[in-house]
């Protein structure tokens, strides 16, 4: 549900997106990948 997540289909089609719960900031592309890596339980 892109509207609920606050992103557009154009954004999502252009790059992978990382969305934090309750945050208004959306990270895309390499920044989204970095956030995914930082969230891992593995050091």
ModelCIF file with pLDDT and N, C-alpha, C, O atoms, coordinates in Angstrom:
data_MODEL
#
_entry.id   MODEL 
#
_entity.id                         1 
_entity.type                       polymer 
_entity.pdbx_number_of_molecules   1 
#
_entity_poly.entity_id                      1 
_entity_poly.type                           'polypeptide(L)' 
_entity_poly.nstd_linkage                   no 
_entity_poly.nstd_monomer                   no 
_entity_poly.pdbx_seq_one_letter_code       
;(UNK)(UNK)(UNK)(UNK)(UNK)(UNK)(UNK)(UNK)(UNK)(UNK)(UNK)(UNK)(UNK)(UNK)(UNK)(UNK)
(UNK)(UNK)(UNK)(UNK)(UNK)(UNK)(UNK)(UNK)(UNK)(UNK)(UNK)(UNK)(UNK)(UNK)(UNK)(UNK)
(UNK)(UNK)(UNK)(UNK)(UNK)(UNK)(UNK)(UNK)(UNK)(UNK)(UNK)
;
_entity_poly.pdbx_seq_one_letter_code_can   XXXXXXXXXXXXXXXXXXXXXXXXXXXXXXXXXXXXXXXXXXX 
_entity_poly.pdbx_strand_id                 A 
#
loop_
_entity_poly_seq.entity_id 
_entity_poly_seq.num 
_entity_poly_seq.mon_id 
_entity_poly_seq.hetero 
1 1  UNK n 
1 2  UNK n 
1 3  UNK n 
1 4  UNK n 
1 5  UNK n 
1 6  UNK n 
1 7  UNK n 
1 8  UNK n 
1 9  UNK n 
1 10 UNK n 
1 11 UNK n 
1 12 UNK n 
1 13 UNK n 
1 14 UNK n 
1 15 UNK n 
1 16 UNK n 
1 17 UNK n 
1 18 UNK n 
1 19 UNK n 
1 20 UNK n 
1 21 UNK n 
1 22 UNK n 
1 23 UNK n 
1 24 UNK n 
1 25 UNK n 
1 26 UNK n 
1 27 UNK n 
1 28 UNK n 
1 29 UNK n 
1 30 UNK n 
1 31 UNK n 
1 32 UNK n 
1 33 UNK n 
1 34 UNK n 
1 35 UNK n 
1 36 UNK n 
1 37 UNK n 
1 38 UNK n 
1 39 UNK n 
1 40 UNK n 
1 41 UNK n 
1 42 UNK n 
1 43 UNK n 
#
_struct_asym.id          A 
_struct_asym.entity_id   1 
#
loop_
_ma_qa_metric.id 
_ma_qa_metric.mode 
_ma_qa_metric.name 
_ma_qa_metric.software_group_id 
_ma_qa_metric.type 
1 global pLDDT . pLDDT 
2 local  pLDDT . pLDDT 
#
_ma_qa_metric_global.metric_id      1 
_ma_qa_metric_global.metric_value   93.51 
_ma_qa_metric_global.model_id       1 
_ma_qa_metric_global.ordinal_id     1 
#
loop_
_ma_qa_metric_local.label_asym_id 
_ma_qa_metric_local.label_comp_id 
_ma_qa_metric_local.label_seq_id 
_ma_qa_metric_local.metric_id 
_ma_qa_metric_local.metric_value 
_ma_qa_metric_local.model_id 
_ma_qa_metric_local.ordinal_id 
A UNK 1  2 95.00 1 1  
A UNK 2  2 95.00 1 2  
A UNK 3  2 94.00 1 3  
A UNK 4  2 92.00 1 4  
A UNK 5  2 93.00 1 5  
A UNK 6  2 92.00 1 6  
A UNK 7  2 95.00 1 7  
A UNK 8  2 95.00 1 8  
A UNK 9  2 95.00 1 9  
A UNK 10 2 94.00 1 10 
A UNK 11 2 95.00 1 11 
A UNK 12 2 95.00 1 12 
A UNK 13 2 91.00 1 13 
A UNK 14 2 92.00 1 14 
A UNK 15 2 95.00 1 15 
A UNK 16 2 97.00 1 16 
A UNK 17 2 98.00 1 17 
A UNK 18 2 97.00 1 18 
A UNK 19 2 96.00 1 19 
A UNK 20 2 92.00 1 20 
A UNK 21 2 83.00 1 21 
A UNK 22 2 81.00 1 22 
A UNK 23 2 77.00 1 23 
A UNK 24 2 76.00 1 24 
A UNK 25 2 87.00 1 25 
A UNK 26 2 95.00 1 26 
A UNK 27 2 97.00 1 27 
A UNK 28 2 97.00 1 28 
A UNK 29 2 97.00 1 29 
A UNK 30 2 98.00 1 30 
A UNK 31 2 98.00 1 31 
A UNK 32 2 97.00 1 32 
A UNK 33 2 97.00 1 33 
A UNK 34 2 98.00 1 34 
A UNK 35 2 97.00 1 35 
A UNK 36 2 97.00 1 36 
A UNK 37 2 97.00 1 37 
A UNK 38 2 96.00 1 38 
A UNK 39 2 93.00 1 39 
A UNK 40 2 93.00 1 40 
A UNK 41 2 93.00 1 41 
A UNK 42 2 93.00 1 42 
A UNK 43 2 96.00 1 43 
#
loop_
_atom_site.group_PDB 
_atom_site.id 
_atom_site.type_symbol 
_atom_site.label_atom_id 
_atom_site.label_alt_id 
_atom_site.label_comp_id 
_atom_site.label_asym_id 
_atom_site.label_entity_id 
_atom_site.label_seq_id 
_atom_site.pdbx_PDB_ins_code 
_atom_site.Cartn_x 
_atom_site.Cartn_y 
_atom_site.Cartn_z 
_atom_site.occupancy 
_atom_site.B_iso_or_equiv 
_atom_site.pdbx_formal_charge 
_atom_site.auth_seq_id 
_atom_site.auth_comp_id 
_atom_site.auth_asym_id 
_atom_site.auth_atom_id 
_atom_site.pdbx_PDB_model_num 
ATOM 1   N N  . UNK A 1 1  ? 0.868  -1.173  0.000   1.00 95.00 ? 1  UNK A N  1 
ATOM 2   C CA . UNK A 1 1  ? 0.000  0.000   0.000   1.00 95.00 ? 1  UNK A CA 1 
ATOM 3   C C  . UNK A 1 1  ? 0.910  1.230   0.000   1.00 95.00 ? 1  UNK A C  1 
ATOM 4   O O  . UNK A 1 1  ? 1.259  1.756   1.056   1.00 95.00 ? 1  UNK A O  1 
ATOM 5   N N  . UNK A 1 2  ? 1.281  1.671   -1.181  1.00 95.00 ? 2  UNK A N  1 
ATOM 6   C CA . UNK A 1 2  ? 2.256  2.748   -1.323  1.00 95.00 ? 2  UNK A CA 1 
ATOM 7   C C  . UNK A 1 2  ? 1.775  4.052   -0.705  1.00 95.00 ? 2  UNK A C  1 
ATOM 8   O O  . UNK A 1 2  ? 2.571  4.789   -0.126  1.00 95.00 ? 2  UNK A O  1 
ATOM 9   N N  . UNK A 1 3  ? 0.495  4.344   -0.818  1.00 94.00 ? 3  UNK A N  1 
ATOM 10  C CA . UNK A 1 3  ? -0.039 5.573   -0.229  1.00 94.00 ? 3  UNK A CA 1 
ATOM 11  C C  . UNK A 1 3  ? 0.154  5.591   1.284   1.00 94.00 ? 3  UNK A C  1 
ATOM 12  O O  . UNK A 1 3  ? 0.577  6.599   1.850   1.00 94.00 ? 3  UNK A O  1 
ATOM 13  N N  . UNK A 1 4  ? -0.156 4.483   1.928   1.00 92.00 ? 4  UNK A N  1 
ATOM 14  C CA . UNK A 1 4  ? 0.012  4.385   3.377   1.00 92.00 ? 4  UNK A CA 1 
ATOM 15  C C  . UNK A 1 4  ? 1.484  4.521   3.763   1.00 92.00 ? 4  UNK A C  1 
ATOM 16  O O  . UNK A 1 4  ? 1.811  5.100   4.799   1.00 92.00 ? 4  UNK A O  1 
ATOM 17  N N  . UNK A 1 5  ? 2.363  3.987   2.927   1.00 93.00 ? 5  UNK A N  1 
ATOM 18  C CA . UNK A 1 5  ? 3.797  4.051   3.221   1.00 93.00 ? 5  UNK A CA 1 
ATOM 19  C C  . UNK A 1 5  ? 4.411  5.401   2.858   1.00 93.00 ? 5  UNK A C  1 
ATOM 20  O O  . UNK A 1 5  ? 5.542  5.697   3.242   1.00 93.00 ? 5  UNK A O  1 
ATOM 21  N N  . UNK A 1 6  ? 3.668  6.211   2.125   1.00 92.00 ? 6  UNK A N  1 
ATOM 22  C CA . UNK A 1 6  ? 4.162  7.545   1.773   1.00 92.00 ? 6  UNK A CA 1 
ATOM 23  C C  . UNK A 1 6  ? 5.156  7.566   0.633   1.00 92.00 ? 6  UNK A C  1 
ATOM 24  O O  . UNK A 1 6  ? 6.020  8.440   0.575   1.00 92.00 ? 6  UNK A O  1 
ATOM 25  N N  . UNK A 1 7  ? 5.040  6.604   -0.278  1.00 95.00 ? 7  UNK A N  1 
ATOM 26  C CA . UNK A 1 7  ? 5.932  6.563   -1.434  1.00 95.00 ? 7  UNK A CA 1 
ATOM 27  C C  . UNK A 1 7  ? 5.104  6.423   -2.708  1.00 95.00 ? 7  UNK A C  1 
ATOM 28  O O  . UNK A 1 7  ? 3.932  6.050   -2.664  1.00 95.00 ? 7  UNK A O  1 
ATOM 29  N N  . UNK A 1 8  ? 5.723  6.724   -3.822  1.00 95.00 ? 8  UNK A N  1 
ATOM 30  C CA . UNK A 1 8  ? 5.044  6.606   -5.109  1.00 95.00 ? 8  UNK A CA 1 
ATOM 31  C C  . UNK A 1 8  ? 5.540  5.366   -5.849  1.00 95.00 ? 8  UNK A C  1 
ATOM 32  O O  . UNK A 1 8  ? 6.598  4.817   -5.542  1.00 95.00 ? 8  UNK A O  1 
ATOM 33  N N  . UNK A 1 9  ? 4.753  4.947   -6.820  1.00 95.00 ? 9  UNK A N  1 
ATOM 34  C CA . UNK A 1 9  ? 5.160  3.820   -7.661  1.00 95.00 ? 9  UNK A CA 1 
ATOM 35  C C  . UNK A 1 9  ? 6.430  4.167   -8.430  1.00 95.00 ? 9  UNK A C  1 
ATOM 36  O O  . UNK A 1 9  ? 7.272  3.300   -8.662  1.00 95.00 ? 9  UNK A O  1 
ATOM 37  N N  . UNK A 1 10 ? 6.569  5.420   -8.822  1.00 94.00 ? 10 UNK A N  1 
ATOM 38  C CA . UNK A 1 10 ? 7.775  5.847   -9.551  1.00 94.00 ? 10 UNK A CA 1 
ATOM 39  C C  . UNK A 1 10 ? 9.022  5.681   -8.684  1.00 94.00 ? 10 UNK A C  1 
ATOM 40  O O  . UNK A 1 10 ? 10.053 5.207   -9.160  1.00 94.00 ? 10 UNK A O  1 
ATOM 41  N N  . UNK A 1 11 ? 8.926  6.075   -7.404  1.00 95.00 ? 11 UNK A N  1 
ATOM 42  C CA . UNK A 1 11 ? 10.059 5.890   -6.488  1.00 95.00 ? 11 UNK A CA 1 
ATOM 43  C C  . UNK A 1 11 ? 10.395 4.411   -6.339  1.00 95.00 ? 11 UNK A C  1 
ATOM 44  O O  . UNK A 1 11 ? 11.551 4.006   -6.455  1.00 95.00 ? 11 UNK A O  1 
ATOM 45  N N  . UNK A 1 12 ? 9.368  3.622   -6.082  1.00 95.00 ? 12 UNK A N  1 
ATOM 46  C CA . UNK A 1 12 ? 9.572  2.198   -5.825  1.00 95.00 ? 12 UNK A CA 1 
ATOM 47  C C  . UNK A 1 12 ? 10.071 1.457   -7.051  1.00 95.00 ? 12 UNK A C  1 
ATOM 48  O O  . UNK A 1 12 ? 10.808 0.478   -6.932  1.00 95.00 ? 12 UNK A O  1 
ATOM 49  N N  . UNK A 1 13 ? 9.675  1.918   -8.231  1.00 91.00 ? 13 UNK A N  1 
ATOM 50  C CA . UNK A 1 13 ? 10.128 1.283   -9.461  1.00 91.00 ? 13 UNK A CA 1 
ATOM 51  C C  . UNK A 1 13 ? 11.574 1.648   -9.776  1.00 91.00 ? 13 UNK A C  1 
ATOM 52  O O  . UNK A 1 13 ? 12.288 0.875   -10.415 1.00 91.00 ? 13 UNK A O  1 
ATOM 53  N N  . UNK A 1 14 ? 12.001 2.813   -9.334  1.00 92.00 ? 14 UNK A N  1 
ATOM 54  C CA . UNK A 1 14 ? 13.340 3.310   -9.642  1.00 92.00 ? 14 UNK A CA 1 
ATOM 55  C C  . UNK A 1 14 ? 14.421 2.663   -8.781  1.00 92.00 ? 14 UNK A C  1 
ATOM 56  O O  . UNK A 1 14 ? 15.534 2.419   -9.245  1.00 92.00 ? 14 UNK A O  1 
ATOM 57  N N  . UNK A 1 15 ? 14.076 2.385   -7.506  1.00 95.00 ? 15 UNK A N  1 
ATOM 58  C CA . UNK A 1 15 ? 15.097 1.855   -6.597  1.00 95.00 ? 15 UNK A CA 1 
ATOM 59  C C  . UNK A 1 15 ? 14.447 1.148   -5.416  1.00 95.00 ? 15 UNK A C  1 
ATOM 60  O O  . UNK A 1 15 ? 13.279 1.380   -5.104  1.00 95.00 ? 15 UNK A O  1 
ATOM 61  N N  . UNK A 1 16 ? 15.209 0.290   -4.768  1.00 97.00 ? 16 UNK A N  1 
ATOM 62  C CA . UNK A 1 16 ? 14.761 -0.374  -3.554  1.00 97.00 ? 16 UNK A CA 1 
ATOM 63  C C  . UNK A 1 16 ? 14.558 0.709   -2.493  1.00 97.00 ? 16 UNK A C  1 
ATOM 64  O O  . UNK A 1 16 ? 15.315 1.678   -2.440  1.00 97.00 ? 16 UNK A O  1 
ATOM 65  N N  . UNK A 1 17 ? 13.531 0.544   -1.644  1.00 98.00 ? 17 UNK A N  1 
ATOM 66  C CA . UNK A 1 17 ? 13.219 1.553   -0.632  1.00 98.00 ? 17 UNK A CA 1 
ATOM 67  C C  . UNK A 1 17 ? 13.212 0.930   0.757   1.00 98.00 ? 17 UNK A C  1 
ATOM 68  O O  . UNK A 1 17 ? 12.701 -0.172  0.955   1.00 98.00 ? 17 UNK A O  1 
ATOM 69  N N  . UNK A 1 18 ? 13.783 1.649   1.710   1.00 97.00 ? 18 UNK A N  1 
ATOM 70  C CA . UNK A 1 18 ? 13.788 1.250   3.120   1.00 97.00 ? 18 UNK A CA 1 
ATOM 71  C C  . UNK A 1 18 ? 12.924 2.253   3.871   1.00 97.00 ? 18 UNK A C  1 
ATOM 72  O O  . UNK A 1 18 ? 13.175 3.457   3.821   1.00 97.00 ? 18 UNK A O  1 
ATOM 73  N N  . UNK A 1 19 ? 11.901 1.754   4.570   1.00 96.00 ? 19 UNK A N  1 
ATOM 74  C CA . UNK A 1 19 ? 10.970 2.611   5.282   1.00 96.00 ? 19 UNK A CA 1 
ATOM 75  C C  . UNK A 1 19 ? 10.956 2.190   6.747   1.00 96.00 ? 19 UNK A C  1 
ATOM 76  O O  . UNK A 1 19 ? 10.638 1.046   7.073   1.00 96.00 ? 19 UNK A O  1 
ATOM 77  N N  . UNK A 1 20 ? 11.302 3.126   7.623   1.00 92.00 ? 20 UNK A N  1 
ATOM 78  C CA . UNK A 1 20 ? 11.279 2.868   9.063   1.00 92.00 ? 20 UNK A CA 1 
ATOM 79  C C  . UNK A 1 20 ? 9.862  3.076   9.579   1.00 92.00 ? 20 UNK A C  1 
ATOM 80  O O  . UNK A 1 20 ? 9.177  3.997   9.135   1.00 92.00 ? 20 UNK A O  1 
ATOM 81  N N  . UNK A 1 21 ? 9.408  2.239   10.508  1.00 83.00 ? 21 UNK A N  1 
ATOM 82  C CA . UNK A 1 21 ? 8.057  2.424   11.043  1.00 83.00 ? 21 UNK A CA 1 
ATOM 83  C C  . UNK A 1 21 ? 7.945  3.753   11.792  1.00 83.00 ? 21 UNK A C  1 
ATOM 84  O O  . UNK A 1 21 ? 8.791  4.089   12.621  1.00 83.00 ? 21 UNK A O  1 
ATOM 85  N N  . UNK A 1 22 ? 6.894  4.490   11.485  1.00 81.00 ? 22 UNK A N  1 
ATOM 86  C CA . UNK A 1 22 ? 6.644  5.759   12.167  1.00 81.00 ? 22 UNK A CA 1 
ATOM 87  C C  . UNK A 1 22 ? 7.517  6.915   11.729  1.00 81.00 ? 22 UNK A C  1 
ATOM 88  O O  . UNK A 1 22 ? 7.348  8.027   12.231  1.00 81.00 ? 22 UNK A O  1 
ATOM 89  N N  . UNK A 1 23 ? 8.434  6.698   10.821  1.00 77.00 ? 23 UNK A N  1 
ATOM 90  C CA . UNK A 1 23 ? 9.333  7.770   10.374  1.00 77.00 ? 23 UNK A CA 1 
ATOM 91  C C  . UNK A 1 23 ? 8.835  8.314   9.038   1.00 77.00 ? 23 UNK A C  1 
ATOM 92  O O  . UNK A 1 23 ? 8.247  7.595   8.230   1.00 77.00 ? 23 UNK A O  1 
ATOM 93  N N  . UNK A 1 24 ? 9.085  9.582   8.836   1.00 76.00 ? 24 UNK A N  1 
ATOM 94  C CA . UNK A 1 24 ? 8.673  10.216  7.585   1.00 76.00 ? 24 UNK A CA 1 
ATOM 95  C C  . UNK A 1 24 ? 9.773  10.125  6.532   1.00 76.00 ? 24 UNK A C  1 
ATOM 96  O O  . UNK A 1 24 ? 9.595  10.603  5.411   1.00 76.00 ? 24 UNK A O  1 
ATOM 97  N N  . UNK A 1 25 ? 10.904 9.521   6.876   1.00 87.00 ? 25 UNK A N  1 
ATOM 98  C CA . UNK A 1 25 ? 12.034 9.456   5.962   1.00 87.00 ? 25 UNK A CA 1 
ATOM 99  C C  . UNK A 1 25 ? 12.058 8.109   5.246   1.00 87.00 ? 25 UNK A C  1 
ATOM 100 O O  . UNK A 1 25 ? 11.909 7.052   5.859   1.00 87.00 ? 25 UNK A O  1 
ATOM 101 N N  . UNK A 1 26 ? 12.247 8.180   3.953   1.00 95.00 ? 26 UNK A N  1 
ATOM 102 C CA . UNK A 1 26 ? 12.374 6.979   3.128   1.00 95.00 ? 26 UNK A CA 1 
ATOM 103 C C  . UNK A 1 26 ? 13.777 6.986   2.536   1.00 95.00 ? 26 UNK A C  1 
ATOM 104 O O  . UNK A 1 26 ? 14.207 7.984   1.959   1.00 95.00 ? 26 UNK A O  1 
ATOM 105 N N  . UNK A 1 27 ? 14.481 5.886   2.677   1.00 97.00 ? 27 UNK A N  1 
ATOM 106 C CA . UNK A 1 27 ? 15.834 5.760   2.120   1.00 97.00 ? 27 UNK A CA 1 
ATOM 107 C C  . UNK A 1 27 ? 15.749 4.905   0.863   1.00 97.00 ? 27 UNK A C  1 
ATOM 108 O O  . UNK A 1 27 ? 15.080 3.872   0.849   1.00 97.00 ? 27 UNK A O  1 
ATOM 109 N N  . UNK A 1 28 ? 16.428 5.340   -0.185  1.00 97.00 ? 28 UNK A N  1 
ATOM 110 C CA . UNK A 1 28 ? 16.381 4.614   -1.439  1.00 97.00 ? 28 UNK A CA 1 
ATOM 111 C C  . UNK A 1 28 ? 17.748 4.198   -1.931  1.00 97.00 ? 28 UNK A C  1 
ATOM 112 O O  . UNK A 1 28 ? 18.766 4.770   -1.542  1.00 97.00 ? 28 UNK A O  1 
ATOM 113 N N  . UNK A 1 29 ? 17.760 3.184   -2.801  1.00 97.00 ? 29 UNK A N  1 
ATOM 114 C CA . UNK A 1 29 ? 18.990 2.757   -3.454  1.00 97.00 ? 29 UNK A CA 1 
ATOM 115 C C  . UNK A 1 29 ? 20.014 2.215   -2.486  1.00 97.00 ? 29 UNK A C  1 
ATOM 116 O O  . UNK A 1 29 ? 19.695 1.406   -1.615  1.00 97.00 ? 29 UNK A O  1 
ATOM 117 N N  . UNK A 1 30 ? 21.247 2.665   -2.641  1.00 98.00 ? 30 UNK A N  1 
ATOM 118 C CA . UNK A 1 30 ? 22.350 2.193   -1.802  1.00 98.00 ? 30 UNK A CA 1 
ATOM 119 C C  . UNK A 1 30 ? 22.119 2.535   -0.329  1.00 98.00 ? 30 UNK A C  1 
ATOM 120 O O  . UNK A 1 30 ? 22.530 1.784   0.556   1.00 98.00 ? 30 UNK A O  1 
ATOM 121 N N  . UNK A 1 31 ? 21.464 3.663   -0.067  1.00 98.00 ? 31 UNK A N  1 
ATOM 122 C CA . UNK A 1 31 ? 21.162 4.029   1.323   1.00 98.00 ? 31 UNK A CA 1 
ATOM 123 C C  . UNK A 1 31 ? 20.195 3.015   1.946   1.00 98.00 ? 31 UNK A C  1 
ATOM 124 O O  . UNK A 1 31 ? 20.317 2.684   3.126   1.00 98.00 ? 31 UNK A O  1 
ATOM 125 N N  . UNK A 1 32 ? 19.236 2.525   1.155   1.00 97.00 ? 32 UNK A N  1 
ATOM 126 C CA . UNK A 1 32 ? 18.312 1.502   1.645   1.00 97.00 ? 32 UNK A CA 1 
ATOM 127 C C  . UNK A 1 32 ? 19.061 0.203   1.940   1.00 97.00 ? 32 UNK A C  1 
ATOM 128 O O  . UNK A 1 32 ? 18.790 -0.461  2.941   1.00 97.00 ? 32 UNK A O  1 
ATOM 129 N N  . UNK A 1 33 ? 19.987 -0.151  1.081   1.00 97.00 ? 33 UNK A N  1 
ATOM 130 C CA . UNK A 1 33 ? 20.783 -1.366  1.293   1.00 97.00 ? 33 UNK A CA 1 
ATOM 131 C C  . UNK A 1 33 ? 21.613 -1.221  2.565   1.00 97.00 ? 33 UNK A C  1 
ATOM 132 O O  . UNK A 1 33 ? 21.708 -2.164  3.351   1.00 97.00 ? 33 UNK A O  1 
ATOM 133 N N  . UNK A 1 34 ? 22.209 -0.058  2.776   1.00 98.00 ? 34 UNK A N  1 
ATOM 134 C CA . UNK A 1 34 ? 22.994 0.178   3.996   1.00 98.00 ? 34 UNK A CA 1 
ATOM 135 C C  . UNK A 1 34 ? 22.115 0.031   5.238   1.00 98.00 ? 34 UNK A C  1 
ATOM 136 O O  . UNK A 1 34 ? 22.546 -0.560  6.228   1.00 98.00 ? 34 UNK A O  1 
ATOM 137 N N  . UNK A 1 35 ? 20.895 0.559   5.201   1.00 97.00 ? 35 UNK A N  1 
ATOM 138 C CA . UNK A 1 35 ? 19.983 0.415   6.339   1.00 97.00 ? 35 UNK A CA 1 
ATOM 139 C C  . UNK A 1 35 ? 19.611 -1.043  6.569   1.00 97.00 ? 35 UNK A C  1 
ATOM 140 O O  . UNK A 1 35 ? 19.522 -1.487  7.714   1.00 97.00 ? 35 UNK A O  1 
ATOM 141 N N  . UNK A 1 36 ? 19.395 -1.781  5.506   1.00 97.00 ? 36 UNK A N  1 
ATOM 142 C CA . UNK A 1 36 ? 19.097 -3.206  5.646   1.00 97.00 ? 36 UNK A CA 1 
ATOM 143 C C  . UNK A 1 36 ? 20.253 -3.920  6.328   1.00 97.00 ? 36 UNK A C  1 
ATOM 144 O O  . UNK A 1 36 ? 20.044 -4.721  7.239   1.00 97.00 ? 36 UNK A O  1 
ATOM 145 N N  . UNK A 1 37 ? 21.471 -3.632  5.887   1.00 97.00 ? 37 UNK A N  1 
ATOM 146 C CA . UNK A 1 37 ? 22.648 -4.261  6.497   1.00 97.00 ? 37 UNK A CA 1 
ATOM 147 C C  . UNK A 1 37 ? 22.784 -3.867  7.973   1.00 97.00 ? 37 UNK A C  1 
ATOM 148 O O  . UNK A 1 37 ? 23.084 -4.713  8.815   1.00 97.00 ? 37 UNK A O  1 
ATOM 149 N N  . UNK A 1 38 ? 22.568 -2.600  8.282   1.00 96.00 ? 38 UNK A N  1 
ATOM 150 C CA . UNK A 1 38 ? 22.707 -2.121  9.666   1.00 96.00 ? 38 UNK A CA 1 
ATOM 151 C C  . UNK A 1 38 ? 21.664 -2.734  10.595  1.00 96.00 ? 38 UNK A C  1 
ATOM 152 O O  . UNK A 1 38 ? 21.870 -2.772  11.808  1.00 96.00 ? 38 UNK A O  1 
ATOM 153 N N  . UNK A 1 39 ? 20.566 -3.205  10.056  1.00 93.00 ? 39 UNK A N  1 
ATOM 154 C CA . UNK A 1 39 ? 19.496 -3.781  10.854  1.00 93.00 ? 39 UNK A CA 1 
ATOM 155 C C  . UNK A 1 39 ? 19.748 -5.253  11.183  1.00 93.00 ? 39 UNK A C  1 
ATOM 156 O O  . UNK A 1 39 ? 19.090 -5.809  12.062  1.00 93.00 ? 39 UNK A O  1 
ATOM 157 N N  . UNK A 1 40 ? 20.676 -5.875  10.502  1.00 93.00 ? 40 UNK A N  1 
ATOM 158 C CA . UNK A 1 40 ? 20.942 -7.298  10.706  1.00 93.00 ? 40 UNK A CA 1 
ATOM 159 C C  . UNK A 1 40 ? 21.406 -7.579  12.137  1.00 93.00 ? 40 UNK A C  1 
ATOM 160 O O  . UNK A 1 40 ? 22.129 -6.772  12.719  1.00 93.00 ? 40 UNK A O  1 
ATOM 161 N N  . UNK A 1 41 ? 21.000 -8.712  12.705  1.00 93.00 ? 41 UNK A N  1 
ATOM 162 C CA . UNK A 1 41 ? 21.498 -9.078  14.029  1.00 93.00 ? 41 UNK A CA 1 
ATOM 163 C C  . UNK A 1 41 ? 22.967 -9.522  14.006  1.00 93.00 ? 41 UNK A C  1 
ATOM 164 O O  . UNK A 1 41 ? 23.597 -9.656  15.055  1.00 93.00 ? 41 UNK A O  1 
ATOM 165 N N  . UNK A 1 42 ? 23.493 -9.743  12.829  1.00 93.00 ? 42 UNK A N  1 
ATOM 166 C CA . UNK A 1 42 ? 24.886 -10.181 12.719  1.00 93.00 ? 42 UNK A CA 1 
ATOM 167 C C  . UNK A 1 42 ? 25.816 -8.974  12.655  1.00 93.00 ? 42 UNK A C  1 
ATOM 168 O O  . UNK A 1 42 ? 25.645 -8.085  11.821  1.00 93.00 ? 42 UNK A O  1 
ATOM 169 N N  . UNK A 1 43 ? 26.786 -8.960  13.536  1.00 96.00 ? 43 UNK A N  1 
ATOM 170 C CA . UNK A 1 43 ? 27.688 -7.816  13.688  1.00 96.00 ? 43 UNK A CA 1 
ATOM 171 C C  . UNK A 1 43 ? 28.433 -7.479  12.399  1.00 96.00 ? 43 UNK A C  1 
ATOM 172 O O  . UNK A 1 43 ? 29.228 -6.540  12.373  1.00 96.00 ? 43 UNK A O  1 
#
